[in-house]
Amino acid sequence: MGLTGKVRGAVRWLLQAYGTPKIKSALWNAEFASGRWDCLERTAGDCVYPWVEQYAAQGSILDLGCGSGSTAVELAFDSYRDYNGVDISDVAIAKAAQRSKEAGRGQKNHFQQSDFSHYVPAGHYDVILFRDSLYYVPVRKIQPMLESYSGHLSATGVFIVRLSGGGNEKDLQIVEIVENNFVMVEKRLHDNPGALVVIFRPEKAPR
């Protein structure tokens, strides 16, 4: 990637992390509509799925930054009772809902357009999932956001975070926040594709 490409990428990340919800929504809509993220529409066998299925234990899942709904249609059908996906992109949410309907999961998979940095869930969940989406949250906002979502975990619920690679500066900062402020349950580095899966819960069960 040349200098121009790096600058463009940095500006894109800044806008998607720090922009207003309207700006972020417009950027993500343009990218999903252009096909930039089509590569993520077929991710069967991803390393995070067995962890989500294990900890969901046929319960409820909240997927923050769900994109076009790969997780919603690729998890084992009987591993969860209901799935709720949230994404800032209307385009992604429309794709996700259509894919779930086509996969026969329209009754158990639900989607909502929202900036998950400000989203307030209506219920409690056995798994709250961030599948690479924490990368787009400014570091200073991660801990308070996680603490806010902690109140929406079930008594045995956990956060599951997937970090691509797990070795860059942002990933290390996220792991440090988790280790300093939450109870680490599992931390596993996977190959093919390389990803770090971090599973944790609040210091005290919220319910």
N, C-alpha and C. Protein backbone atom coordinates (compact mmCIF):
# COMPACT_ATOMS: atom_id res chain seq x y z
N MET A 1 0.85 -1.20 0.00
CA MET A 1 0.00 0.00 0.00
C MET A 1 0.88 1.24 0.00
N GLY A 2 0.64 2.16 -0.96
CA GLY A 2 1.42 3.38 -1.04
C GLY A 2 1.02 4.38 0.03
N LEU A 3 1.74 5.50 0.06
CA LEU A 3 1.46 6.53 1.06
C LEU A 3 0.04 7.05 0.95
N THR A 4 -0.41 7.27 -0.30
CA THR A 4 -1.78 7.78 -0.49
C THR A 4 -2.81 6.80 0.07
N GLY A 5 -2.58 5.50 -0.18
CA GLY A 5 -3.50 4.49 0.33
C GLY A 5 -3.51 4.44 1.84
N LYS A 6 -2.33 4.60 2.46
CA LYS A 6 -2.25 4.58 3.92
C LYS A 6 -2.97 5.77 4.53
N VAL A 7 -2.79 6.94 3.91
CA VAL A 7 -3.47 8.14 4.40
C VAL A 7 -4.98 7.98 4.27
N ARG A 8 -5.41 7.45 3.12
CA ARG A 8 -6.85 7.24 2.90
C ARG A 8 -7.41 6.26 3.93
N GLY A 9 -6.65 5.20 4.20
CA GLY A 9 -7.09 4.23 5.19
C GLY A 9 -7.18 4.82 6.59
N ALA A 10 -6.21 5.68 6.93
CA ALA A 10 -6.21 6.30 8.26
C ALA A 10 -7.40 7.25 8.41
N VAL A 11 -7.68 8.01 7.37
CA VAL A 11 -8.82 8.92 7.41
C VAL A 11 -10.12 8.14 7.53
N ARG A 12 -10.21 7.05 6.77
CA ARG A 12 -11.41 6.20 6.83
C ARG A 12 -11.62 5.70 8.25
N TRP A 13 -10.56 5.17 8.89
CA TRP A 13 -10.71 4.64 10.24
C TRP A 13 -11.11 5.73 11.22
N LEU A 14 -10.51 6.93 11.10
CA LEU A 14 -10.84 8.02 12.00
C LEU A 14 -12.32 8.40 11.89
N LEU A 15 -12.82 8.45 10.66
CA LEU A 15 -14.22 8.81 10.46
C LEU A 15 -15.15 7.72 10.98
N GLN A 16 -14.78 6.45 10.77
CA GLN A 16 -15.63 5.36 11.21
C GLN A 16 -15.56 5.15 12.72
N ALA A 17 -14.49 5.63 13.34
CA ALA A 17 -14.38 5.51 14.80
C ALA A 17 -14.89 6.74 15.52
N TYR A 18 -14.63 7.92 14.98
CA TYR A 18 -14.93 9.17 15.68
C TYR A 18 -16.02 10.01 15.02
N GLY A 19 -16.47 9.63 13.85
CA GLY A 19 -17.48 10.41 13.16
C GLY A 19 -18.83 10.35 13.85
N THR A 20 -19.73 11.22 13.45
CA THR A 20 -21.10 11.17 13.98
C THR A 20 -21.78 9.90 13.47
N PRO A 21 -22.83 9.45 14.14
CA PRO A 21 -23.55 8.26 13.64
C PRO A 21 -23.97 8.40 12.18
N LYS A 22 -24.36 9.60 11.77
CA LYS A 22 -24.78 9.81 10.38
C LYS A 22 -23.62 9.60 9.42
N ILE A 23 -22.44 10.13 9.77
CA ILE A 23 -21.26 9.97 8.91
C ILE A 23 -20.85 8.51 8.87
N LYS A 24 -20.80 7.86 10.04
CA LYS A 24 -20.39 6.46 10.08
C LYS A 24 -21.36 5.58 9.29
N SER A 25 -22.65 5.84 9.44
CA SER A 25 -23.64 5.06 8.71
C SER A 25 -23.46 5.20 7.21
N ALA A 26 -23.23 6.43 6.75
CA ALA A 26 -23.06 6.67 5.32
C ALA A 26 -21.82 5.96 4.78
N LEU A 27 -20.73 5.99 5.53
CA LEU A 27 -19.50 5.33 5.10
C LEU A 27 -19.66 3.82 5.02
N TRP A 28 -20.25 3.24 6.08
CA TRP A 28 -20.43 1.80 6.08
C TRP A 28 -21.44 1.37 5.01
N ASN A 29 -22.49 2.15 4.81
CA ASN A 29 -23.46 1.82 3.77
C ASN A 29 -22.79 1.79 2.40
N ALA A 30 -21.94 2.78 2.13
CA ALA A 30 -21.25 2.84 0.85
C ALA A 30 -20.35 1.62 0.66
N GLU A 31 -19.67 1.22 1.72
CA GLU A 31 -18.76 0.08 1.60
C GLU A 31 -19.50 -1.24 1.42
N PHE A 32 -20.59 -1.44 2.15
CA PHE A 32 -21.35 -2.67 1.97
C PHE A 32 -22.03 -2.70 0.61
N ALA A 33 -22.51 -1.55 0.14
CA ALA A 33 -23.17 -1.49 -1.16
C ALA A 33 -22.19 -1.72 -2.30
N SER A 34 -20.94 -1.31 -2.12
CA SER A 34 -19.93 -1.45 -3.18
C SER A 34 -19.35 -2.86 -3.26
N GLY A 35 -19.64 -3.68 -2.27
CA GLY A 35 -19.11 -5.03 -2.26
C GLY A 35 -17.78 -5.17 -1.54
N ARG A 36 -17.32 -4.11 -0.87
CA ARG A 36 -16.04 -4.16 -0.18
C ARG A 36 -15.99 -5.30 0.83
N TRP A 37 -17.12 -5.59 1.49
CA TRP A 37 -17.14 -6.59 2.55
C TRP A 37 -17.77 -7.90 2.13
N ASP A 38 -17.91 -8.13 0.83
CA ASP A 38 -18.46 -9.40 0.34
C ASP A 38 -17.59 -10.58 0.78
N CYS A 39 -16.32 -10.31 1.03
CA CYS A 39 -15.40 -11.37 1.44
C CYS A 39 -15.77 -11.97 2.79
N LEU A 40 -16.59 -11.27 3.56
CA LEU A 40 -16.99 -11.74 4.89
C LEU A 40 -18.35 -12.42 4.89
N GLU A 41 -18.93 -12.61 3.71
CA GLU A 41 -20.26 -13.20 3.66
C GLU A 41 -20.23 -14.72 3.68
N ARG A 42 -19.06 -15.32 3.56
CA ARG A 42 -18.92 -16.77 3.63
C ARG A 42 -17.75 -17.07 4.55
N THR A 43 -18.03 -17.30 5.83
CA THR A 43 -16.96 -17.52 6.81
C THR A 43 -17.24 -18.77 7.65
N ALA A 44 -17.88 -19.75 7.03
CA ALA A 44 -18.19 -21.00 7.74
C ALA A 44 -16.92 -21.60 8.33
N GLY A 45 -17.02 -22.08 9.56
CA GLY A 45 -15.87 -22.68 10.22
C GLY A 45 -14.96 -21.70 10.91
N ASP A 46 -15.38 -20.43 11.02
CA ASP A 46 -14.54 -19.45 11.69
C ASP A 46 -14.24 -19.89 13.13
N CYS A 47 -13.05 -19.54 13.61
CA CYS A 47 -12.60 -20.02 14.92
C CYS A 47 -13.46 -19.52 16.07
N VAL A 48 -14.21 -18.44 15.88
CA VAL A 48 -15.01 -17.92 16.99
C VAL A 48 -16.30 -18.71 17.19
N TYR A 49 -16.76 -19.43 16.18
CA TYR A 49 -18.06 -20.09 16.26
C TYR A 49 -18.17 -21.13 17.37
N PRO A 50 -17.19 -22.04 17.52
CA PRO A 50 -17.32 -23.02 18.61
C PRO A 50 -17.44 -22.37 19.98
N TRP A 51 -16.76 -21.24 20.19
CA TRP A 51 -16.84 -20.55 21.48
C TRP A 51 -18.23 -19.94 21.68
N VAL A 52 -18.75 -19.32 20.64
CA VAL A 52 -20.09 -18.73 20.74
C VAL A 52 -21.13 -19.82 21.01
N GLU A 53 -21.02 -20.93 20.28
CA GLU A 53 -21.97 -22.02 20.45
C GLU A 53 -21.88 -22.62 21.85
N GLN A 54 -20.66 -22.76 22.37
CA GLN A 54 -20.48 -23.33 23.71
C GLN A 54 -21.09 -22.45 24.79
N TYR A 55 -20.79 -21.16 24.74
CA TYR A 55 -21.23 -20.27 25.81
C TYR A 55 -22.68 -19.80 25.64
N ALA A 56 -23.17 -19.81 24.42
CA ALA A 56 -24.59 -19.49 24.22
C ALA A 56 -25.46 -20.57 24.86
N ALA A 57 -25.02 -21.83 24.73
CA ALA A 57 -25.70 -22.96 25.38
C ALA A 57 -27.21 -22.92 25.15
N GLN A 58 -27.59 -22.73 23.89
CA GLN A 58 -28.99 -22.70 23.47
C GLN A 58 -29.74 -21.50 24.05
N GLY A 59 -29.00 -20.45 24.38
CA GLY A 59 -29.61 -19.25 24.91
C GLY A 59 -29.61 -18.10 23.90
N SER A 60 -29.42 -16.88 24.41
CA SER A 60 -29.55 -15.67 23.60
C SER A 60 -28.19 -15.07 23.26
N ILE A 61 -28.09 -14.54 22.04
CA ILE A 61 -26.85 -13.94 21.56
C ILE A 61 -27.14 -12.51 21.11
N LEU A 62 -26.27 -11.58 21.50
CA LEU A 62 -26.29 -10.21 20.99
C LEU A 62 -24.99 -10.00 20.23
N ASP A 63 -25.08 -9.76 18.93
CA ASP A 63 -23.92 -9.60 18.05
C ASP A 63 -23.81 -8.13 17.67
N LEU A 64 -22.79 -7.45 18.21
CA LEU A 64 -22.63 -6.01 17.99
C LEU A 64 -21.62 -5.76 16.87
N GLY A 65 -22.12 -5.16 15.80
CA GLY A 65 -21.33 -5.01 14.58
C GLY A 65 -21.48 -6.27 13.74
N CYS A 66 -22.72 -6.68 13.53
CA CYS A 66 -23.01 -7.98 12.90
C CYS A 66 -22.77 -8.01 11.41
N GLY A 67 -22.60 -6.83 10.77
CA GLY A 67 -22.38 -6.81 9.33
C GLY A 67 -23.54 -7.42 8.57
N SER A 68 -23.21 -8.15 7.51
CA SER A 68 -24.25 -8.70 6.65
C SER A 68 -24.76 -10.06 7.11
N GLY A 69 -24.47 -10.44 8.35
CA GLY A 69 -25.16 -11.57 8.96
C GLY A 69 -24.56 -12.94 8.79
N SER A 70 -23.24 -13.04 8.57
CA SER A 70 -22.63 -14.36 8.43
C SER A 70 -22.78 -15.18 9.71
N THR A 71 -22.49 -14.57 10.86
CA THR A 71 -22.61 -15.30 12.12
C THR A 71 -24.03 -15.81 12.31
N ALA A 72 -24.99 -15.01 11.94
CA ALA A 72 -26.40 -15.35 12.15
C ALA A 72 -26.84 -16.59 11.38
N VAL A 73 -26.20 -16.87 10.24
CA VAL A 73 -26.62 -18.03 9.43
C VAL A 73 -25.62 -19.17 9.48
N GLU A 74 -24.44 -18.94 10.06
CA GLU A 74 -23.41 -19.98 10.06
C GLU A 74 -23.23 -20.68 11.40
N LEU A 75 -23.72 -20.09 12.49
CA LEU A 75 -23.73 -20.81 13.76
C LEU A 75 -24.62 -22.04 13.63
N ALA A 76 -24.32 -23.09 14.38
CA ALA A 76 -25.19 -24.27 14.40
C ALA A 76 -26.60 -23.84 14.79
N PHE A 77 -27.59 -24.27 14.04
CA PHE A 77 -28.96 -23.80 14.21
C PHE A 77 -29.47 -24.03 15.63
N ASP A 78 -29.15 -25.18 16.21
CA ASP A 78 -29.68 -25.52 17.53
C ASP A 78 -28.78 -25.09 18.68
N SER A 79 -27.76 -24.27 18.40
CA SER A 79 -26.84 -23.85 19.46
C SER A 79 -27.34 -22.62 20.20
N TYR A 80 -28.39 -21.99 19.70
CA TYR A 80 -28.92 -20.78 20.34
C TYR A 80 -30.43 -20.72 20.19
N ARG A 81 -31.07 -19.99 21.11
CA ARG A 81 -32.52 -19.81 21.08
C ARG A 81 -32.91 -18.62 20.22
N ASP A 82 -32.22 -17.51 20.43
CA ASP A 82 -32.48 -16.33 19.62
C ASP A 82 -31.20 -15.52 19.46
N TYR A 83 -31.12 -14.87 18.33
CA TYR A 83 -29.94 -14.08 17.95
C TYR A 83 -30.40 -12.67 17.61
N ASN A 84 -29.67 -11.68 18.12
CA ASN A 84 -29.99 -10.28 17.84
C ASN A 84 -28.74 -9.60 17.30
N GLY A 85 -28.80 -9.14 16.06
CA GLY A 85 -27.66 -8.49 15.43
C GLY A 85 -27.88 -6.99 15.32
N VAL A 86 -26.82 -6.22 15.62
CA VAL A 86 -26.89 -4.76 15.55
C VAL A 86 -25.76 -4.27 14.66
N ASP A 87 -26.08 -3.38 13.73
CA ASP A 87 -25.05 -2.79 12.88
C ASP A 87 -25.49 -1.39 12.48
N ILE A 88 -24.52 -0.53 12.26
CA ILE A 88 -24.83 0.86 11.91
C ILE A 88 -25.25 1.00 10.46
N SER A 89 -24.98 -0.01 9.64
CA SER A 89 -25.28 0.06 8.21
C SER A 89 -26.65 -0.52 7.89
N ASP A 90 -27.52 0.31 7.29
CA ASP A 90 -28.82 -0.16 6.82
C ASP A 90 -28.65 -1.22 5.74
N VAL A 91 -27.64 -1.03 4.89
CA VAL A 91 -27.40 -1.97 3.80
C VAL A 91 -27.02 -3.33 4.35
N ALA A 92 -26.14 -3.35 5.34
CA ALA A 92 -25.73 -4.61 5.94
C ALA A 92 -26.90 -5.30 6.63
N ILE A 93 -27.69 -4.53 7.37
CA ILE A 93 -28.83 -5.10 8.09
C ILE A 93 -29.84 -5.71 7.12
N ALA A 94 -30.08 -5.05 5.99
CA ALA A 94 -31.01 -5.58 5.00
C ALA A 94 -30.50 -6.90 4.44
N LYS A 95 -29.19 -6.96 4.16
CA LYS A 95 -28.59 -8.21 3.66
C LYS A 95 -28.71 -9.31 4.71
N ALA A 96 -28.43 -8.96 5.96
CA ALA A 96 -28.46 -9.95 7.04
C ALA A 96 -29.86 -10.52 7.21
N ALA A 97 -30.86 -9.66 7.20
CA ALA A 97 -32.24 -10.12 7.38
C ALA A 97 -32.66 -11.03 6.22
N GLN A 98 -32.28 -10.67 5.01
CA GLN A 98 -32.63 -11.49 3.85
C GLN A 98 -31.94 -12.84 3.90
N ARG A 99 -30.67 -12.86 4.28
CA ARG A 99 -29.94 -14.11 4.37
C ARG A 99 -30.54 -15.03 5.44
N SER A 100 -30.94 -14.45 6.57
CA SER A 100 -31.56 -15.26 7.63
C SER A 100 -32.89 -15.84 7.16
N LYS A 101 -33.64 -15.06 6.44
CA LYS A 101 -34.93 -15.54 5.92
C LYS A 101 -34.70 -16.70 4.95
N GLU A 102 -33.74 -16.54 4.06
CA GLU A 102 -33.45 -17.58 3.07
C GLU A 102 -32.92 -18.85 3.74
N ALA A 103 -32.25 -18.69 4.88
CA ALA A 103 -31.69 -19.84 5.60
C ALA A 103 -32.70 -20.48 6.56
N GLY A 104 -33.93 -19.98 6.56
CA GLY A 104 -34.96 -20.54 7.43
C GLY A 104 -34.81 -20.12 8.88
N ARG A 105 -34.14 -18.99 9.11
CA ARG A 105 -33.92 -18.51 10.48
C ARG A 105 -34.61 -17.18 10.75
N GLY A 106 -35.53 -16.82 9.91
CA GLY A 106 -36.18 -15.53 10.05
C GLY A 106 -36.92 -15.35 11.36
N GLN A 107 -37.36 -16.45 11.98
CA GLN A 107 -38.12 -16.35 13.22
C GLN A 107 -37.23 -16.24 14.45
N LYS A 108 -35.97 -16.68 14.36
CA LYS A 108 -35.10 -16.66 15.54
C LYS A 108 -33.97 -15.64 15.42
N ASN A 109 -33.74 -15.10 14.23
CA ASN A 109 -32.73 -14.07 14.04
C ASN A 109 -33.39 -12.71 13.83
N HIS A 110 -32.93 -11.72 14.58
CA HIS A 110 -33.52 -10.38 14.50
C HIS A 110 -32.39 -9.35 14.36
N PHE A 111 -32.68 -8.27 13.67
CA PHE A 111 -31.65 -7.28 13.37
C PHE A 111 -32.17 -5.87 13.62
N GLN A 112 -31.24 -5.00 14.00
CA GLN A 112 -31.59 -3.61 14.24
C GLN A 112 -30.45 -2.71 13.79
N GLN A 113 -30.80 -1.63 13.11
CA GLN A 113 -29.81 -0.65 12.69
C GLN A 113 -29.55 0.31 13.84
N SER A 114 -28.30 0.39 14.27
CA SER A 114 -27.92 1.29 15.35
C SER A 114 -26.41 1.36 15.46
N ASP A 115 -25.91 2.46 15.98
CA ASP A 115 -24.49 2.58 16.34
C ASP A 115 -24.33 1.86 17.68
N PHE A 116 -23.63 0.73 17.69
CA PHE A 116 -23.59 -0.06 18.93
C PHE A 116 -22.84 0.65 20.05
N SER A 117 -22.11 1.71 19.74
CA SER A 117 -21.47 2.49 20.81
C SER A 117 -22.50 3.15 21.71
N HIS A 118 -23.73 3.34 21.19
CA HIS A 118 -24.78 4.01 21.96
C HIS A 118 -26.03 3.14 22.12
N TYR A 119 -25.99 1.94 21.63
CA TYR A 119 -27.17 1.07 21.64
C TYR A 119 -27.48 0.60 23.06
N VAL A 120 -28.76 0.57 23.39
CA VAL A 120 -29.21 0.07 24.69
C VAL A 120 -30.09 -1.15 24.46
N PRO A 121 -29.61 -2.35 24.80
CA PRO A 121 -30.40 -3.57 24.58
C PRO A 121 -31.66 -3.59 25.43
N ALA A 122 -32.62 -4.34 24.97
CA ALA A 122 -33.88 -4.45 25.70
C ALA A 122 -33.87 -5.60 26.69
N GLY A 123 -32.95 -6.56 26.50
CA GLY A 123 -32.96 -7.75 27.35
C GLY A 123 -31.60 -8.12 27.87
N HIS A 124 -31.45 -9.40 28.25
CA HIS A 124 -30.20 -9.95 28.76
C HIS A 124 -29.78 -11.12 27.89
N TYR A 125 -28.47 -11.31 27.78
CA TYR A 125 -27.93 -12.26 26.82
C TYR A 125 -26.89 -13.18 27.45
N ASP A 126 -26.81 -14.39 26.91
CA ASP A 126 -25.81 -15.34 27.37
C ASP A 126 -24.45 -15.08 26.72
N VAL A 127 -24.47 -14.52 25.53
CA VAL A 127 -23.24 -14.10 24.85
C VAL A 127 -23.46 -12.73 24.24
N ILE A 128 -22.54 -11.82 24.52
CA ILE A 128 -22.47 -10.55 23.79
C ILE A 128 -21.19 -10.61 22.96
N LEU A 129 -21.35 -10.60 21.66
CA LEU A 129 -20.25 -10.85 20.73
C LEU A 129 -19.80 -9.58 20.01
N PHE A 130 -18.48 -9.39 19.99
CA PHE A 130 -17.85 -8.37 19.15
C PHE A 130 -16.92 -9.12 18.20
N ARG A 131 -17.34 -9.31 16.99
CA ARG A 131 -16.53 -10.05 16.02
C ARG A 131 -15.72 -9.06 15.19
N ASP A 132 -14.55 -8.70 15.68
CA ASP A 132 -13.65 -7.72 15.05
C ASP A 132 -14.15 -6.29 15.14
N SER A 133 -15.34 -6.07 15.64
CA SER A 133 -15.94 -4.74 15.62
C SER A 133 -15.35 -3.78 16.65
N LEU A 134 -14.73 -4.30 17.72
CA LEU A 134 -14.13 -3.40 18.73
C LEU A 134 -12.99 -2.57 18.15
N TYR A 135 -12.44 -3.03 17.04
CA TYR A 135 -11.36 -2.29 16.39
C TYR A 135 -11.80 -0.87 16.04
N TYR A 136 -13.09 -0.69 15.80
CA TYR A 136 -13.60 0.62 15.38
C TYR A 136 -14.12 1.46 16.54
N VAL A 137 -13.86 1.04 17.77
CA VAL A 137 -14.23 1.82 18.94
C VAL A 137 -12.98 2.48 19.51
N PRO A 138 -12.97 3.79 19.71
CA PRO A 138 -11.81 4.45 20.31
C PRO A 138 -11.45 3.81 21.65
N VAL A 139 -10.16 3.66 21.90
CA VAL A 139 -9.68 2.94 23.09
C VAL A 139 -10.31 3.48 24.37
N ARG A 140 -10.38 4.81 24.51
CA ARG A 140 -10.88 5.40 25.76
C ARG A 140 -12.36 5.10 25.99
N LYS A 141 -13.07 4.67 24.95
CA LYS A 141 -14.50 4.39 25.09
C LYS A 141 -14.79 2.91 25.33
N ILE A 142 -13.78 2.05 25.18
CA ILE A 142 -14.05 0.61 25.24
C ILE A 142 -14.47 0.17 26.64
N GLN A 143 -13.73 0.53 27.67
CA GLN A 143 -14.07 0.08 29.02
C GLN A 143 -15.46 0.55 29.46
N PRO A 144 -15.78 1.85 29.36
CA PRO A 144 -17.13 2.25 29.79
C PRO A 144 -18.23 1.61 28.96
N MET A 145 -17.97 1.38 27.67
CA MET A 145 -18.99 0.73 26.85
C MET A 145 -19.22 -0.71 27.30
N LEU A 146 -18.12 -1.44 27.57
CA LEU A 146 -18.25 -2.81 28.04
C LEU A 146 -18.94 -2.86 29.40
N GLU A 147 -18.62 -1.92 30.27
CA GLU A 147 -19.26 -1.89 31.58
C GLU A 147 -20.76 -1.65 31.44
N SER A 148 -21.13 -0.81 30.50
CA SER A 148 -22.55 -0.55 30.27
C SER A 148 -23.25 -1.82 29.77
N TYR A 149 -22.61 -2.53 28.85
CA TYR A 149 -23.20 -3.76 28.33
C TYR A 149 -23.20 -4.88 29.36
N SER A 150 -22.32 -4.79 30.37
CA SER A 150 -22.28 -5.83 31.40
C SER A 150 -23.63 -6.01 32.07
N GLY A 151 -24.39 -4.94 32.18
CA GLY A 151 -25.71 -5.01 32.80
C GLY A 151 -26.73 -5.75 31.96
N HIS A 152 -26.33 -6.14 30.75
CA HIS A 152 -27.25 -6.86 29.85
C HIS A 152 -26.78 -8.29 29.60
N LEU A 153 -25.87 -8.78 30.46
CA LEU A 153 -25.49 -10.18 30.43
C LEU A 153 -26.38 -10.96 31.40
N SER A 154 -26.64 -12.21 31.07
CA SER A 154 -27.35 -13.08 32.00
C SER A 154 -26.42 -13.41 33.16
N ALA A 155 -26.92 -14.11 34.15
CA ALA A 155 -26.13 -14.41 35.34
C ALA A 155 -24.85 -15.17 35.00
N THR A 156 -24.87 -15.98 33.95
CA THR A 156 -23.69 -16.74 33.54
C THR A 156 -23.14 -16.25 32.21
N GLY A 157 -23.60 -15.09 31.76
CA GLY A 157 -23.24 -14.60 30.44
C GLY A 157 -21.79 -14.13 30.33
N VAL A 158 -21.29 -14.11 29.09
CA VAL A 158 -19.92 -13.69 28.82
C VAL A 158 -19.87 -12.78 27.61
N PHE A 159 -18.82 -11.98 27.57
CA PHE A 159 -18.43 -11.28 26.36
C PHE A 159 -17.51 -12.20 25.56
N ILE A 160 -17.64 -12.20 24.25
CA ILE A 160 -16.69 -12.88 23.37
C ILE A 160 -16.23 -11.88 22.34
N VAL A 161 -14.91 -11.68 22.27
CA VAL A 161 -14.32 -10.73 21.34
C VAL A 161 -13.36 -11.47 20.42
N ARG A 162 -13.54 -11.28 19.15
CA ARG A 162 -12.61 -11.83 18.15
C ARG A 162 -11.74 -10.70 17.64
N LEU A 163 -10.43 -10.90 17.68
CA LEU A 163 -9.47 -9.89 17.23
C LEU A 163 -8.64 -10.50 16.11
N SER A 164 -8.67 -9.90 14.94
CA SER A 164 -7.91 -10.43 13.81
C SER A 164 -6.41 -10.31 14.08
N GLY A 165 -5.74 -11.42 14.11
CA GLY A 165 -4.29 -11.41 14.32
C GLY A 165 -3.94 -11.42 15.79
N GLY A 166 -4.47 -10.44 16.52
CA GLY A 166 -4.24 -10.38 17.96
C GLY A 166 -2.91 -9.79 18.38
N GLY A 167 -2.11 -9.31 17.41
CA GLY A 167 -0.78 -8.84 17.77
C GLY A 167 -0.51 -7.37 17.51
N ASN A 168 -1.48 -6.65 16.90
CA ASN A 168 -1.21 -5.24 16.65
C ASN A 168 -1.48 -4.41 17.90
N GLU A 169 -1.13 -3.14 17.84
CA GLU A 169 -1.21 -2.29 19.04
C GLU A 169 -2.63 -2.19 19.58
N LYS A 170 -3.60 -2.02 18.71
CA LYS A 170 -5.00 -1.89 19.17
C LYS A 170 -5.46 -3.18 19.84
N ASP A 171 -5.12 -4.33 19.27
CA ASP A 171 -5.51 -5.59 19.88
C ASP A 171 -4.92 -5.73 21.27
N LEU A 172 -3.65 -5.38 21.42
CA LEU A 172 -2.98 -5.47 22.72
C LEU A 172 -3.63 -4.54 23.74
N GLN A 173 -4.06 -3.37 23.28
CA GLN A 173 -4.73 -2.42 24.18
C GLN A 173 -6.07 -2.98 24.64
N ILE A 174 -6.80 -3.63 23.73
CA ILE A 174 -8.08 -4.22 24.09
C ILE A 174 -7.89 -5.32 25.12
N VAL A 175 -6.89 -6.18 24.90
CA VAL A 175 -6.62 -7.27 25.85
C VAL A 175 -6.24 -6.70 27.21
N GLU A 176 -5.46 -5.64 27.22
CA GLU A 176 -5.05 -5.02 28.49
C GLU A 176 -6.27 -4.47 29.24
N ILE A 177 -7.18 -3.85 28.53
CA ILE A 177 -8.40 -3.33 29.15
C ILE A 177 -9.19 -4.48 29.79
N VAL A 178 -9.31 -5.57 29.06
CA VAL A 178 -10.04 -6.72 29.58
C VAL A 178 -9.36 -7.28 30.82
N GLU A 179 -8.06 -7.48 30.75
CA GLU A 179 -7.33 -8.09 31.86
C GLU A 179 -7.34 -7.21 33.12
N ASN A 180 -7.39 -5.90 32.93
CA ASN A 180 -7.35 -4.99 34.08
C ASN A 180 -8.71 -4.70 34.69
N ASN A 181 -9.78 -4.98 33.94
CA ASN A 181 -11.09 -4.55 34.42
C ASN A 181 -12.17 -5.63 34.44
N PHE A 182 -11.86 -6.81 33.93
CA PHE A 182 -12.86 -7.87 33.85
C PHE A 182 -12.22 -9.20 34.26
N VAL A 183 -13.02 -10.23 34.33
CA VAL A 183 -12.54 -11.56 34.67
C VAL A 183 -12.30 -12.34 33.38
N MET A 184 -11.05 -12.66 33.10
CA MET A 184 -10.73 -13.41 31.89
C MET A 184 -11.15 -14.86 32.07
N VAL A 185 -11.91 -15.36 31.11
CA VAL A 185 -12.38 -16.75 31.17
C VAL A 185 -11.55 -17.63 30.23
N GLU A 186 -11.35 -17.17 29.01
CA GLU A 186 -10.54 -17.89 28.02
C GLU A 186 -9.82 -16.86 27.16
N LYS A 187 -8.62 -17.24 26.70
CA LYS A 187 -7.89 -16.42 25.73
C LYS A 187 -7.13 -17.38 24.83
N ARG A 188 -7.56 -17.49 23.58
CA ARG A 188 -6.98 -18.46 22.67
C ARG A 188 -6.57 -17.82 21.35
N LEU A 189 -5.34 -18.10 20.94
CA LEU A 189 -4.85 -17.64 19.65
C LEU A 189 -5.03 -18.76 18.65
N HIS A 190 -5.69 -18.47 17.55
CA HIS A 190 -5.99 -19.46 16.52
C HIS A 190 -5.22 -19.18 15.24
N ASP A 191 -5.01 -20.22 14.46
CA ASP A 191 -4.41 -20.09 13.13
C ASP A 191 -5.48 -20.33 12.07
N ASN A 192 -5.19 -19.86 10.88
CA ASN A 192 -5.98 -20.19 9.67
C ASN A 192 -7.49 -19.96 9.84
N PRO A 193 -7.98 -18.75 9.87
CA PRO A 193 -7.15 -17.52 9.85
C PRO A 193 -6.65 -17.17 11.24
N GLY A 194 -5.57 -16.40 11.27
CA GLY A 194 -5.02 -15.99 12.55
C GLY A 194 -5.96 -15.04 13.27
N ALA A 195 -6.35 -15.40 14.46
CA ALA A 195 -7.26 -14.56 15.24
C ALA A 195 -7.13 -14.90 16.71
N LEU A 196 -7.31 -13.91 17.55
CA LEU A 196 -7.32 -14.10 18.99
C LEU A 196 -8.76 -14.01 19.47
N VAL A 197 -9.20 -15.01 20.22
CA VAL A 197 -10.54 -15.02 20.79
C VAL A 197 -10.40 -14.82 22.30
N VAL A 198 -11.07 -13.78 22.80
CA VAL A 198 -11.00 -13.43 24.21
C VAL A 198 -12.40 -13.54 24.79
N ILE A 199 -12.53 -14.30 25.89
CA ILE A 199 -13.82 -14.52 26.54
C ILE A 199 -13.71 -14.05 27.98
N PHE A 200 -14.62 -13.19 28.41
CA PHE A 200 -14.52 -12.61 29.74
C PHE A 200 -15.90 -12.22 30.26
N ARG A 201 -15.94 -11.92 31.54
CA ARG A 201 -17.19 -11.50 32.17
C ARG A 201 -16.90 -10.40 33.19
N PRO A 202 -17.92 -9.73 33.68
CA PRO A 202 -17.71 -8.69 34.69
C PRO A 202 -17.14 -9.27 35.97
N GLU A 203 -16.60 -8.41 36.82
CA GLU A 203 -16.05 -8.84 38.11
C GLU A 203 -17.10 -9.57 38.93
N LYS A 204 -18.33 -9.07 38.87
CA LYS A 204 -19.43 -9.71 39.57
C LYS A 204 -20.55 -9.96 38.57
N ALA A 205 -21.18 -11.12 38.69
CA ALA A 205 -22.30 -11.41 37.80
C ALA A 205 -23.36 -10.34 37.96
N PRO A 206 -23.85 -9.73 36.84
CA PRO A 206 -24.81 -8.63 36.94
C PRO A 206 -26.19 -9.03 37.42
N ARG A 207 -26.52 -10.31 37.33
CA ARG A 207 -27.85 -10.75 37.77
C ARG A 207 -27.71 -12.02 38.58
